[in-house]
Every structure is written in C-alpha cells, then in structure tokens.
Protein backbone atom coordinates (compact mmCIF):
# COMPACT_ATOMS: atom_id res chain seq x y z
CA MET A 1 -0.27 0.00 0.02
CA LYS A 2 1.46 3.51 -0.95
CA LYS A 3 1.86 6.02 1.56
CA ILE A 4 -0.23 9.17 1.23
CA LYS A 5 1.92 12.35 1.59
CA GLY A 6 0.66 15.81 3.00
CA LYS A 7 -1.65 17.02 5.69
CA ILE A 8 -4.26 15.16 7.01
CA GLY A 9 -6.87 17.08 9.27
CA SER A 10 -6.21 20.54 10.74
CA SER A 11 -3.04 22.03 12.07
CA PHE A 12 -2.69 22.24 15.75
CA ASP A 13 -2.69 26.24 15.50
CA ASP A 14 -6.15 25.75 13.84
CA PHE A 15 -7.23 23.86 16.73
CA LEU A 16 -6.34 26.34 19.19
CA LYS A 17 -8.11 28.74 16.71
CA GLU A 18 -11.29 26.91 17.01
CA ASP A 19 -10.93 26.71 20.79
CA GLY A 20 -10.65 30.37 20.81
CA ILE A 21 -7.30 30.09 22.81
CA TYR A 22 -4.57 30.50 20.06
CA GLU A 23 -3.41 34.15 21.25
CA GLU A 24 -3.07 32.92 25.01
CA VAL A 25 -1.14 30.14 24.12
CA THR A 26 0.95 31.84 21.93
CA ALA A 27 1.56 34.69 24.14
CA ARG A 28 2.24 31.95 27.01
CA ALA A 29 4.72 30.34 24.81
CA ILE A 30 6.62 33.39 24.22
CA LYS A 31 7.07 34.28 27.51
CA ARG A 32 8.40 30.95 28.68
CA VAL A 33 10.96 31.07 25.87
CA ILE A 34 11.96 34.70 27.05
CA ALA A 35 12.40 33.44 30.27
CA ARG A 36 14.68 30.47 29.65
CA GLN A 37 16.81 32.42 27.04
CA LEU A 38 17.06 35.34 29.89
CA ASP A 39 17.91 32.39 32.39
CA ALA A 40 20.45 30.93 30.11
CA LEU A 41 22.26 33.94 29.36
CA MET A 42 22.41 34.61 33.38
CA THR A 43 24.11 31.34 33.58
CA LYS A 44 26.48 31.67 30.54
CA GLU A 45 27.48 35.14 31.81
CA GLY A 46 27.59 34.11 35.87
CA LEU A 47 25.14 36.73 36.59
CA THR A 48 23.48 36.38 39.69
CA LYS A 49 19.71 37.56 40.02
CA THR A 50 20.81 40.74 42.32
CA GLU A 51 23.23 41.80 39.74
CA LEU A 52 20.85 41.38 36.78
CA ALA A 53 18.08 43.01 38.79
CA LYS A 54 20.68 46.15 39.78
CA ARG A 55 21.51 46.30 35.87
CA MET A 56 17.72 46.56 34.99
CA GLN A 57 17.17 49.16 37.60
CA THR A 58 14.45 46.91 39.50
CA SER A 59 13.64 44.60 42.44
CA ARG A 60 14.46 41.10 42.62
CA ALA A 61 10.88 40.41 42.97
CA GLN A 62 10.17 41.99 39.38
CA LEU A 63 13.10 40.04 37.90
CA ASP A 64 11.45 36.96 39.67
CA ARG A 65 8.45 37.54 37.41
CA VAL A 66 10.52 38.18 34.41
CA LEU A 67 11.98 34.80 34.85
CA ASP A 68 8.97 33.21 36.27
CA PRO A 69 7.90 31.19 32.67
CA GLU A 70 4.16 31.13 33.97
CA ASN A 71 3.85 35.09 34.70
CA GLU A 72 2.32 36.76 32.03
CA SER A 73 1.98 40.05 33.63
CA VAL A 74 5.43 41.44 32.63
CA THR A 75 5.43 44.41 30.41
CA LEU A 76 7.64 45.05 27.11
CA GLY A 77 9.29 47.67 28.69
CA THR A 78 10.57 45.39 31.56
CA LEU A 79 11.30 42.60 28.75
CA THR A 80 13.57 45.16 27.02
CA ARG A 81 15.44 46.16 29.87
CA ALA A 82 16.19 42.59 30.75
CA ALA A 83 17.47 41.89 27.38
CA HIS A 84 19.45 45.07 27.23
CA ALA A 85 20.81 43.98 30.69
CA VAL A 86 22.25 40.76 29.36
CA GLY A 87 23.60 42.93 25.92
CA ARG A 88 20.66 41.59 24.08
CA GLU A 89 17.66 43.35 22.10
CA LEU A 90 14.08 42.47 22.01
CA LYS A 91 12.71 41.98 18.76
CA LEU A 92 9.01 41.58 18.06
CA GLU A 93 7.15 41.55 14.73
CA LEU A 94 4.13 41.07 13.15
CA VAL A 95 3.73 38.57 10.70
C-alpha cells in the first residue's frame, strides 16, 4: 500500500484558534521562551539575580516575575530592560 503524503486534518494552530485560545497559548509560549533565554544567558555570563536586577534598575521581585515562565504580567518595557541588561535586543514583529 502506498503512503499518502501531505496534511491530514487541521493544524494544531487551527485547533487552538477553533477553541479560542490561540492568542493566549502563543503569548504564554513566547514568555516561556524569553524567560528561559534570559536564565540561560545569566548562567552563561555568571550573573546572579541580584546583579541582573541592578543592571535593570529594578527589584529582585520584579526580576523573579520576568524569569517566571508562568507569569505573563510582565510589560514589554521590562522585557526590553532585561534584554539590554544581558547585552541583547528584544525583537517583536507582526507576521
């Protein structure tokens, strides 16, 4: 029997859109990626949370919210300061 190539059914994105949770799930995934990237850069550069908070001119509590993959209440300004504090740029784009 020949195997048929191509898509069968809808995509996972379509499933999320149909359920009305696509934007929420996407935002949560983006925040998790950013939090993990920041954590990895801190480890790579040997930065403590206290040092990074000082670079960001913020509190340790605010930095903990930034680094918490589950916390979505962080502003773009805070994420931008965090990126700059580890020598990176935050890049967002509409596609």
